[in-house]
């Protein structure tokens, strides 16, 4: 995230299927001893991933991105984080 580089990775869904994802990661949040990654896809849809569910280390993608200066990740995470939203 420090390099503001898009990442791609394979993760295991709640239904125990492997799924590919390519996101612009912009925040991490720890809740109850578990870490969650927040990222936007190419259509600017928010995705929240349980990091423990990734099946391999993320790879850097060719694209970079920027985060709006006014984005307060703490407030954003409080507003949008629910267990139901986790991939």
PDB file of N, CA and C in Angstrom:
ATOM      1  N   UNK A   1       0.818  -1.195   0.000  1.00  0.00           N
ATOM      2  CA  UNK A   1       0.000   0.000   0.000  1.00  0.00           C
ATOM      3  C   UNK A   1       0.860   1.256   0.000  1.00  0.00           C
ATOM      4  N   UNK A   2       2.035   1.186   0.571  1.00  0.00           N
ATOM      5  CA  UNK A   2       2.891   2.373   0.618  1.00  0.00           C
ATOM      6  C   UNK A   2       3.291   2.853  -0.768  1.00  0.00           C
ATOM      7  N   UNK A   3       3.336   1.930  -1.723  1.00  0.00           N
ATOM      8  CA  UNK A   3       3.705   2.296  -3.087  1.00  0.00           C
ATOM      9  C   UNK A   3       2.484   2.667  -3.920  1.00  0.00           C
ATOM     10  N   UNK A   4       1.288   2.563  -3.338  1.00  0.00           N
ATOM     11  CA  UNK A   4       0.036   2.852  -4.043  1.00  0.00           C
ATOM     12  C   UNK A   4      -0.023   2.096  -5.368  1.00  0.00           C
ATOM     13  N   UNK A   5       0.271   0.805  -5.267  1.00  0.00           N
ATOM     14  CA  UNK A   5       0.261  -0.062  -6.438  1.00  0.00           C
ATOM     15  C   UNK A   5      -0.889  -1.051  -6.338  1.00  0.00           C
ATOM     16  N   UNK A   6      -1.568  -1.241  -7.428  1.00  0.00           N
ATOM     17  CA  UNK A   6      -2.662  -2.210  -7.502  1.00  0.00           C
ATOM     18  C   UNK A   6      -2.072  -3.602  -7.280  1.00  0.00           C
ATOM     19  N   UNK A   7      -2.805  -4.453  -6.565  1.00  0.00           N
ATOM     20  CA  UNK A   7      -2.347  -5.821  -6.322  1.00  0.00           C
ATOM     21  C   UNK A   7      -3.370  -6.815  -6.868  1.00  0.00           C
ATOM     22  N   UNK A   8      -2.886  -7.998  -7.153  1.00  0.00           N
ATOM     23  CA  UNK A   8      -3.773  -9.087  -7.560  1.00  0.00           C
ATOM     24  C   UNK A   8      -3.411 -10.313  -6.740  1.00  0.00           C
ATOM     25  N   UNK A   9      -4.432 -11.090  -6.413  1.00  0.00           N
ATOM     26  CA  UNK A   9      -4.214 -12.274  -5.589  1.00  0.00           C
ATOM     27  C   UNK A   9      -5.394 -13.216  -5.717  1.00  0.00           C
ATOM     28  N   UNK A  10      -5.184 -14.439  -5.263  1.00  0.00           N
ATOM     29  CA  UNK A  10      -6.223 -15.458  -5.199  1.00  0.00           C
ATOM     30  C   UNK A  10      -6.599 -15.608  -3.728  1.00  0.00           C
ATOM     31  N   UNK A  11      -7.887 -15.662  -3.451  1.00  0.00           N
ATOM     32  CA  UNK A  11      -8.339 -15.839  -2.073  1.00  0.00           C
ATOM     33  C   UNK A  11      -9.472 -16.863  -2.044  1.00  0.00           C
ATOM     34  N   UNK A  12      -9.729 -17.380  -0.852  1.00  0.00           N
ATOM     35  CA  UNK A  12     -10.787 -18.367  -0.655  1.00  0.00           C
ATOM     36  C   UNK A  12     -12.021 -17.656  -0.123  1.00  0.00           C
ATOM     37  N   UNK A  13     -13.155 -17.824  -0.804  1.00  0.00           N
ATOM     38  CA  UNK A  13     -14.398 -17.172  -0.410  1.00  0.00           C
ATOM     39  C   UNK A  13     -15.032 -17.902   0.774  1.00  0.00           C
ATOM     40  N   UNK A  14     -16.082 -17.299   1.321  1.00  0.00           N
ATOM     41  CA  UNK A  14     -16.817 -17.939   2.420  1.00  0.00           C
ATOM     42  C   UNK A  14     -17.387 -19.283   1.998  1.00  0.00           C
ATOM     43  N   UNK A  15     -17.679 -19.422   0.696  1.00  0.00           N
ATOM     44  CA  UNK A  15     -18.230 -20.676   0.166  1.00  0.00           C
ATOM     45  C   UNK A  15     -17.129 -21.684  -0.152  1.00  0.00           C
ATOM     46  N   UNK A  16     -15.874 -21.353   0.211  1.00  0.00           N
ATOM     47  CA  UNK A  16     -14.722 -22.220   0.023  1.00  0.00           C
ATOM     48  C   UNK A  16     -14.336 -22.395  -1.442  1.00  0.00           C
ATOM     49  N   UNK A  17     -14.552 -21.368  -2.256  1.00  0.00           N
ATOM     50  CA  UNK A  17     -14.124 -21.355  -3.644  1.00  0.00           C
ATOM     51  C   UNK A  17     -12.929 -20.415  -3.776  1.00  0.00           C
ATOM     52  N   UNK A  18     -12.026 -20.725  -4.699  1.00  0.00           N
ATOM     53  CA  UNK A  18     -10.936 -19.802  -4.977  1.00  0.00           C
ATOM     54  C   UNK A  18     -11.415 -18.758  -5.962  1.00  0.00           C
ATOM     55  N   UNK A  19     -11.012 -17.511  -5.739  1.00  0.00           N
ATOM     56  CA  UNK A  19     -11.444 -16.412  -6.586  1.00  0.00           C
ATOM     57  C   UNK A  19     -10.290 -15.432  -6.788  1.00  0.00           C
ATOM     58  N   UNK A  20     -10.188 -14.911  -7.993  1.00  0.00           N
ATOM     59  CA  UNK A  20      -9.159 -13.933  -8.339  1.00  0.00           C
ATOM     60  C   UNK A  20      -9.660 -12.538  -8.020  1.00  0.00           C
ATOM     61  N   UNK A  21      -8.772 -11.679  -7.518  1.00  0.00           N
ATOM     62  CA  UNK A  21      -9.140 -10.297  -7.268  1.00  0.00           C
ATOM     63  C   UNK A  21      -7.990  -9.387  -7.650  1.00  0.00           C
ATOM     64  N   UNK A  22      -8.338  -8.230  -8.170  1.00  0.00           N
ATOM     65  CA  UNK A  22      -7.375  -7.195  -8.528  1.00  0.00           C
ATOM     66  C   UNK A  22      -7.927  -5.900  -7.945  1.00  0.00           C
ATOM     67  N   UNK A  23      -7.249  -5.340  -6.943  1.00  0.00           N
ATOM     68  CA  UNK A  23      -7.769  -4.167  -6.247  1.00  0.00           C
ATOM     69  C   UNK A  23      -6.672  -3.139  -5.968  1.00  0.00           C
ATOM     70  N   UNK A  24      -7.127  -1.917  -5.741  1.00  0.00           N
ATOM     71  CA  UNK A  24      -6.269  -0.844  -5.256  1.00  0.00           C
ATOM     72  C   UNK A  24      -6.433  -0.835  -3.736  1.00  0.00           C
ATOM     73  N   UNK A  25      -5.462  -1.393  -2.994  1.00  0.00           N
ATOM     74  CA  UNK A  25      -5.608  -1.486  -1.537  1.00  0.00           C
ATOM     75  C   UNK A  25      -5.361  -0.123  -0.891  1.00  0.00           C
ATOM     76  N   UNK A  26      -6.248   0.266   0.015  1.00  0.00           N
ATOM     77  CA  UNK A  26      -6.054   1.574   0.634  1.00  0.00           C
ATOM     78  C   UNK A  26      -6.138   1.537   2.147  1.00  0.00           C
ATOM     79  N   UNK A  27      -6.351   0.374   2.746  1.00  0.00           N
ATOM     80  CA  UNK A  27      -6.376   0.334   4.196  1.00  0.00           C
ATOM     81  C   UNK A  27      -6.428  -1.067   4.755  1.00  0.00           C
ATOM     82  N   UNK A  28      -5.900  -1.207   5.964  1.00  0.00           N
ATOM     83  CA  UNK A  28      -5.962  -2.449   6.731  1.00  0.00           C
ATOM     84  C   UNK A  28      -6.614  -2.140   8.066  1.00  0.00           C
ATOM     85  N   UNK A  29      -7.420  -3.078   8.556  1.00  0.00           N
ATOM     86  CA  UNK A  29      -8.061  -2.888   9.852  1.00  0.00           C
ATOM     87  C   UNK A  29      -8.046  -4.219  10.586  1.00  0.00           C
ATOM     88  N   UNK A  30      -7.688  -4.173  11.878  1.00  0.00           N
ATOM     89  CA  UNK A  30      -7.681  -5.360  12.716  1.00  0.00           C
ATOM     90  C   UNK A  30      -8.921  -5.332  13.603  1.00  0.00           C
ATOM     91  N   UNK A  31      -9.638  -6.453  13.593  1.00  0.00           N
ATOM     92  CA  UNK A  31     -10.819  -6.590  14.447  1.00  0.00           C
ATOM     93  C   UNK A  31     -10.773  -7.993  15.039  1.00  0.00           C
ATOM     94  N   UNK A  32     -10.812  -8.088  16.339  1.00  0.00           N
ATOM     95  CA  UNK A  32     -10.851  -9.389  16.999  1.00  0.00           C
ATOM     96  C   UNK A  32      -9.702 -10.307  16.636  1.00  0.00           C
ATOM     97  N   UNK A  33      -8.518  -9.754  16.414  1.00  0.00           N
ATOM     98  CA  UNK A  33      -7.356 -10.566  16.082  1.00  0.00           C
ATOM     99  C   UNK A  33      -7.253 -10.956  14.619  1.00  0.00           C
ATOM    100  N   UNK A  34      -8.159 -10.478  13.783  1.00  0.00           N
ATOM    101  CA  UNK A  34      -8.133 -10.778  12.346  1.00  0.00           C
ATOM    102  C   UNK A  34      -7.889  -9.482  11.589  1.00  0.00           C
ATOM    103  N   UNK A  35      -7.146  -9.572  10.489  1.00  0.00           N
ATOM    104  CA  UNK A  35      -6.834  -8.405   9.675  1.00  0.00           C
ATOM    105  C   UNK A  35      -7.658  -8.416   8.400  1.00  0.00           C
ATOM    106  N   UNK A  36      -8.150  -7.239   8.033  1.00  0.00           N
ATOM    107  CA  UNK A  36      -8.988  -7.072   6.849  1.00  0.00           C
ATOM    108  C   UNK A  36      -8.379  -6.025   5.923  1.00  0.00           C
ATOM    109  N   UNK A  37      -8.393  -6.316   4.636  1.00  0.00           N
ATOM    110  CA  UNK A  37      -7.886  -5.419   3.613  1.00  0.00           C
ATOM    111  C   UNK A  37      -9.066  -4.744   2.920  1.00  0.00           C
ATOM    112  N   UNK A  38      -9.000  -3.437   2.798  1.00  0.00           N
ATOM    113  CA  UNK A  38     -10.003  -2.665   2.070  1.00  0.00           C
ATOM    114  C   UNK A  38      -9.400  -2.265   0.735  1.00  0.00           C
ATOM    115  N   UNK A  39     -10.145  -2.463  -0.350  1.00  0.00           N
ATOM    116  CA  UNK A  39      -9.640  -2.078  -1.666  1.00  0.00           C
ATOM    117  C   UNK A  39     -10.768  -1.833  -2.643  1.00  0.00           C
ATOM    118  N   UNK A  40     -10.453  -1.041  -3.663  1.00  0.00           N
ATOM    119  CA  UNK A  40     -11.416  -0.761  -4.728  1.00  0.00           C
ATOM    120  C   UNK A  40     -11.017  -1.508  -5.990  1.00  0.00           C
ATOM    121  N   UNK A  41     -12.019  -2.039  -6.707  1.00  0.00           N
ATOM    122  CA  UNK A  41     -11.737  -2.700  -7.973  1.00  0.00           C
ATOM    123  C   UNK A  41     -11.752  -1.668  -9.106  1.00  0.00           C
ATOM    124  N   UNK A  42     -11.652  -2.124 -10.327  1.00  0.00           N
ATOM    125  CA  UNK A  42     -11.576  -1.221 -11.490  1.00  0.00           C
ATOM    126  C   UNK A  42     -12.831  -0.373 -11.684  1.00  0.00           C
ATOM    127  N   UNK A  43     -13.948  -0.842 -11.169  1.00  0.00           N
ATOM    128  CA  UNK A  43     -15.202  -0.090 -11.283  1.00  0.00           C
ATOM    129  C   UNK A  43     -15.483   0.731 -10.026  1.00  0.00           C
ATOM    130  N   UNK A  44     -14.473   0.881  -9.177  1.00  0.00           N
ATOM    131  CA  UNK A  44     -14.587   1.630  -7.917  1.00  0.00           C
ATOM    132  C   UNK A  44     -15.563   1.019  -6.927  1.00  0.00           C
ATOM    133  N   UNK A  45     -15.761  -0.289  -6.998  1.00  0.00           N
ATOM    134  CA  UNK A  45     -16.563  -0.985  -5.995  1.00  0.00           C
ATOM    135  C   UNK A  45     -15.669  -1.347  -4.822  1.00  0.00           C
ATOM    136  N   UNK A  46     -16.169  -1.133  -3.618  1.00  0.00           N
ATOM    137  CA  UNK A  46     -15.414  -1.462  -2.414  1.00  0.00           C
ATOM    138  C   UNK A  46     -15.452  -2.963  -2.161  1.00  0.00           C
ATOM    139  N   UNK A  47     -14.295  -3.520  -1.818  1.00  0.00           N
ATOM    140  CA  UNK A  47     -14.188  -4.916  -1.425  1.00  0.00           C
ATOM    141  C   UNK A  47     -13.437  -4.981  -0.109  1.00  0.00           C
ATOM    142  N   UNK A  48     -13.865  -5.868   0.773  1.00  0.00           N
ATOM    143  CA  UNK A  48     -13.195  -6.083   2.050  1.00  0.00           C
ATOM    144  C   UNK A  48     -12.837  -7.562   2.118  1.00  0.00           C
ATOM    145  N   UNK A  49     -11.551  -7.839   2.340  1.00  0.00           N
ATOM    146  CA  UNK A  49     -11.055  -9.212   2.348  1.00  0.00           C
ATOM    147  C   UNK A  49     -10.488  -9.568   3.713  1.00  0.00           C
ATOM    148  N   UNK A  50     -10.781 -10.762   4.171  1.00  0.00           N
ATOM    149  CA  UNK A  50     -10.118 -11.317   5.350  1.00  0.00           C
ATOM    150  C   UNK A  50      -8.759 -11.810   4.852  1.00  0.00           C
ATOM    151  N   UNK A  51      -7.701 -11.195   5.319  1.00  0.00           N
ATOM    152  CA  UNK A  51      -6.363 -11.517   4.806  1.00  0.00           C
ATOM    153  C   UNK A  51      -6.014 -12.990   5.016  1.00  0.00           C
ATOM    154  N   UNK A  52      -6.537 -13.605   6.051  1.00  0.00           N
ATOM    155  CA  UNK A  52      -6.246 -15.021   6.303  1.00  0.00           C
ATOM    156  C   UNK A  52      -6.780 -15.914   5.184  1.00  0.00           C
ATOM    157  N   UNK A  53      -7.703 -15.417   4.369  1.00  0.00           N
ATOM    158  CA  UNK A  53      -8.299 -16.231   3.312  1.00  0.00           C
ATOM    159  C   UNK A  53      -7.543 -16.176   1.986  1.00  0.00           C
ATOM    160  N   UNK A  54      -6.467 -15.424   1.921  1.00  0.00           N
ATOM    161  CA  UNK A  54      -5.718 -15.411   0.657  1.00  0.00           C
ATOM    162  C   UNK A  54      -4.970 -16.729   0.531  1.00  0.00           C
ATOM    163  N   UNK A  55      -4.853 -17.220  -0.673  1.00  0.00           N
ATOM    164  CA  UNK A  55      -4.207 -18.518  -0.878  1.00  0.00           C
ATOM    165  C   UNK A  55      -2.755 -18.363  -1.320  1.00  0.00           C
ATOM    166  N   UNK A  56      -2.356 -17.138  -1.652  1.00  0.00           N
ATOM    167  CA  UNK A  56      -0.969 -16.877  -2.050  1.00  0.00           C
ATOM    168  C   UNK A  56      -0.663 -15.414  -1.766  1.00  0.00           C
ATOM    169  N   UNK A  57       0.615 -15.077  -1.765  1.00  0.00           N
ATOM    170  CA  UNK A  57       0.983 -13.691  -1.542  1.00  0.00           C
ATOM    171  C   UNK A  57       0.534 -12.834  -2.718  1.00  0.00           C
ATOM    172  N   UNK A  58       0.111 -11.605  -2.442  1.00  0.00           N
ATOM    173  CA  UNK A  58      -0.302 -10.720  -3.532  1.00  0.00           C
ATOM    174  C   UNK A  58       0.863 -10.384  -4.450  1.00  0.00           C
ATOM    175  N   UNK A  59       0.554 -10.150  -5.712  1.00  0.00           N
ATOM    176  CA  UNK A  59       1.556  -9.712  -6.676  1.00  0.00           C
ATOM    177  C   UNK A  59       1.225  -8.281  -7.078  1.00  0.00           C
ATOM    178  N   UNK A  60       2.277  -7.489  -7.316  1.00  0.00           N
ATOM    179  CA  UNK A  60       2.060  -6.121  -7.759  1.00  0.00           C
ATOM    180  C   UNK A  60       1.576  -6.118  -9.190  1.00  0.00           C
ATOM    181  N   UNK A  61       0.645  -5.264  -9.463  1.00  0.00           N
ATOM    182  CA  UNK A  61       0.092  -5.116 -10.800  1.00  0.00           C
ATOM    183  C   UNK A  61       0.797  -3.937 -11.458  1.00  0.00           C
ATOM    184  N   UNK A  62       0.585  -3.693 -12.712  1.00  0.00           N
ATOM    185  CA  UNK A  62       1.285  -2.632 -13.432  1.00  0.00           C
ATOM    186  C   UNK A  62       0.780  -1.235 -13.096  1.00  0.00           C
ATOM    187  N   UNK A  63      -0.401  -1.117 -12.526  1.00  0.00           N
ATOM    188  CA  UNK A  63      -1.016   0.191 -12.323  1.00  0.00           C
ATOM    189  C   UNK A  63      -0.759   0.740 -10.923  1.00  0.00           C
ATOM    190  N   UNK A  64      -0.721   2.049 -10.824  1.00  0.00           N
ATOM    191  CA  UNK A  64      -0.664   2.718  -9.535  1.00  0.00           C
ATOM    192  C   UNK A  64      -1.937   3.544  -9.371  1.00  0.00           C
ATOM    193  N   UNK A  65      -2.158   4.031  -8.161  1.00  0.00           N
ATOM    194  CA  UNK A  65      -3.365   4.810  -7.902  1.00  0.00           C
ATOM    195  C   UNK A  65      -3.063   5.832  -6.818  1.00  0.00           C
ATOM    196  N   UNK A  66      -3.991   6.728  -6.593  1.00  0.00           N
ATOM    197  CA  UNK A  66      -3.841   7.697  -5.512  1.00  0.00           C
ATOM    198  C   UNK A  66      -5.122   7.707  -4.691  1.00  0.00           C
ATOM    199  N   UNK A  67      -4.981   8.078  -3.448  1.00  0.00           N
ATOM    200  CA  UNK A  67      -6.107   8.145  -2.520  1.00  0.00           C
ATOM    201  C   UNK A  67      -6.400   9.619  -2.265  1.00  0.00           C
ATOM    202  N   UNK A  68      -7.671  10.016  -2.288  1.00  0.00           N
ATOM    203  CA  UNK A  68      -7.991  11.421  -2.011  1.00  0.00           C
ATOM    204  C   UNK A  68      -7.454  11.855  -0.651  1.00  0.00           C
ATOM    205  N   UNK A  69      -6.892  13.049  -0.585  1.00  0.00           N
ATOM    206  CA  UNK A  69      -6.310  13.552   0.657  1.00  0.00           C
ATOM    207  C   UNK A  69      -7.316  13.589   1.799  1.00  0.00           C
ATOM    208  N   UNK A  70      -8.557  13.827   1.492  1.00  0.00           N
ATOM    209  CA  UNK A  70      -9.580  13.980   2.515  1.00  0.00           C
ATOM    210  C   UNK A  70     -10.108  12.658   3.048  1.00  0.00           C
ATOM    211  N   UNK A  71      -9.646  11.529   2.501  1.00  0.00           N
ATOM    212  CA  UNK A  71     -10.147  10.231   2.947  1.00  0.00           C
ATOM    213  C   UNK A  71      -9.653   9.935   4.354  1.00  0.00           C
ATOM    214  N   UNK A  72     -10.571   9.787   5.277  1.00  0.00           N
ATOM    215  CA  UNK A  72     -10.263   9.413   6.658  1.00  0.00           C
ATOM    216  C   UNK A  72     -10.559   7.914   6.770  1.00  0.00           C
ATOM    217  N   UNK A  73      -9.504   7.095   6.667  1.00  0.00           N
ATOM    218  CA  UNK A  73      -9.721   5.655   6.624  1.00  0.00           C
ATOM    219  C   UNK A  73     -10.411   5.143   7.879  1.00  0.00           C
ATOM    220  N   UNK A  74     -10.067   5.651   9.048  1.00  0.00           N
ATOM    221  CA  UNK A  74     -10.696   5.196  10.288  1.00  0.00           C
ATOM    222  C   UNK A  74     -12.202   5.368  10.250  1.00  0.00           C
ATOM    223  N   UNK A  75     -12.670   6.525   9.848  1.00  0.00           N
ATOM    224  CA  UNK A  75     -14.117   6.766   9.750  1.00  0.00           C
ATOM    225  C   UNK A  75     -14.739   5.927   8.642  1.00  0.00           C
ATOM    226  N   UNK A  76     -14.026   5.803   7.542  1.00  0.00           N
ATOM    227  CA  UNK A  76     -14.513   5.004   6.423  1.00  0.00           C
ATOM    228  C   UNK A  76     -14.703   3.556   6.861  1.00  0.00           C
ATOM    229  N   UNK A  77     -13.707   2.984   7.541  1.00  0.00           N
ATOM    230  CA  UNK A  77     -13.781   1.588   7.977  1.00  0.00           C
ATOM    231  C   UNK A  77     -14.916   1.384   8.975  1.00  0.00           C
ATOM    232  N   UNK A  78     -15.096   2.314   9.900  1.00  0.00           N
ATOM    233  CA  UNK A  78     -16.192   2.194  10.865  1.00  0.00           C
ATOM    234  C   UNK A  78     -17.547   2.189  10.168  1.00  0.00           C
ATOM    235  N   UNK A  79     -17.670   2.985   9.133  1.00  0.00           N
ATOM    236  CA  UNK A  79     -18.952   3.093   8.437  1.00  0.00           C
ATOM    237  C   UNK A  79     -19.270   1.876   7.582  1.00  0.00           C
ATOM    238  N   UNK A  80     -18.265   1.336   6.906  1.00  0.00           N
ATOM    239  CA  UNK A  80     -18.514   0.286   5.918  1.00  0.00           C
ATOM    240  C   UNK A  80     -18.181  -1.126   6.366  1.00  0.00           C
ATOM    241  N   UNK A  81     -17.454  -1.290   7.468  1.00  0.00           N
ATOM    242  CA  UNK A  81     -17.074  -2.639   7.863  1.00  0.00           C
ATOM    243  C   UNK A  81     -18.214  -3.340   8.568  1.00  0.00           C
ATOM    244  N   UNK A  82     -18.617  -4.470   8.032  1.00  0.00           N
ATOM    245  CA  UNK A  82     -19.525  -5.404   8.683  1.00  0.00           C
ATOM    246  C   UNK A  82     -19.051  -6.802   8.294  1.00  0.00           C
ATOM    247  N   UNK A  83     -19.211  -7.792   9.130  1.00  0.00           N
ATOM    248  CA  UNK A  83     -18.774  -9.143   8.774  1.00  0.00           C
ATOM    249  C   UNK A  83     -19.407  -9.635   7.478  1.00  0.00           C
ATOM    250  N   UNK A  84     -20.593  -9.186   7.156  1.00  0.00           N
ATOM    251  CA  UNK A  84     -21.277  -9.629   5.935  1.00  0.00           C
ATOM    252  C   UNK A  84     -20.566  -9.133   4.675  1.00  0.00           C
ATOM    253  N   UNK A  85     -19.831  -8.052   4.770  1.00  0.00           N
ATOM    254  CA  UNK A  85     -19.169  -7.477   3.604  1.00  0.00           C
ATOM    255  C   UNK A  85     -17.837  -8.133   3.297  1.00  0.00           C
ATOM    256  N   UNK A  86     -17.315  -8.945   4.211  1.00  0.00           N
ATOM    257  CA  UNK A  86     -16.006  -9.563   4.025  1.00  0.00           C
ATOM    258  C   UNK A  86     -16.103 -10.630   2.954  1.00  0.00           C
ATOM    259  N   UNK A  87     -15.157 -10.611   2.034  1.00  0.00           N
ATOM    260  CA  UNK A  87     -15.110 -11.596   0.947  1.00  0.00           C
ATOM    261  C   UNK A  87     -14.598 -12.924   1.465  1.00  0.00           C
TER     262      UNK A  87
END
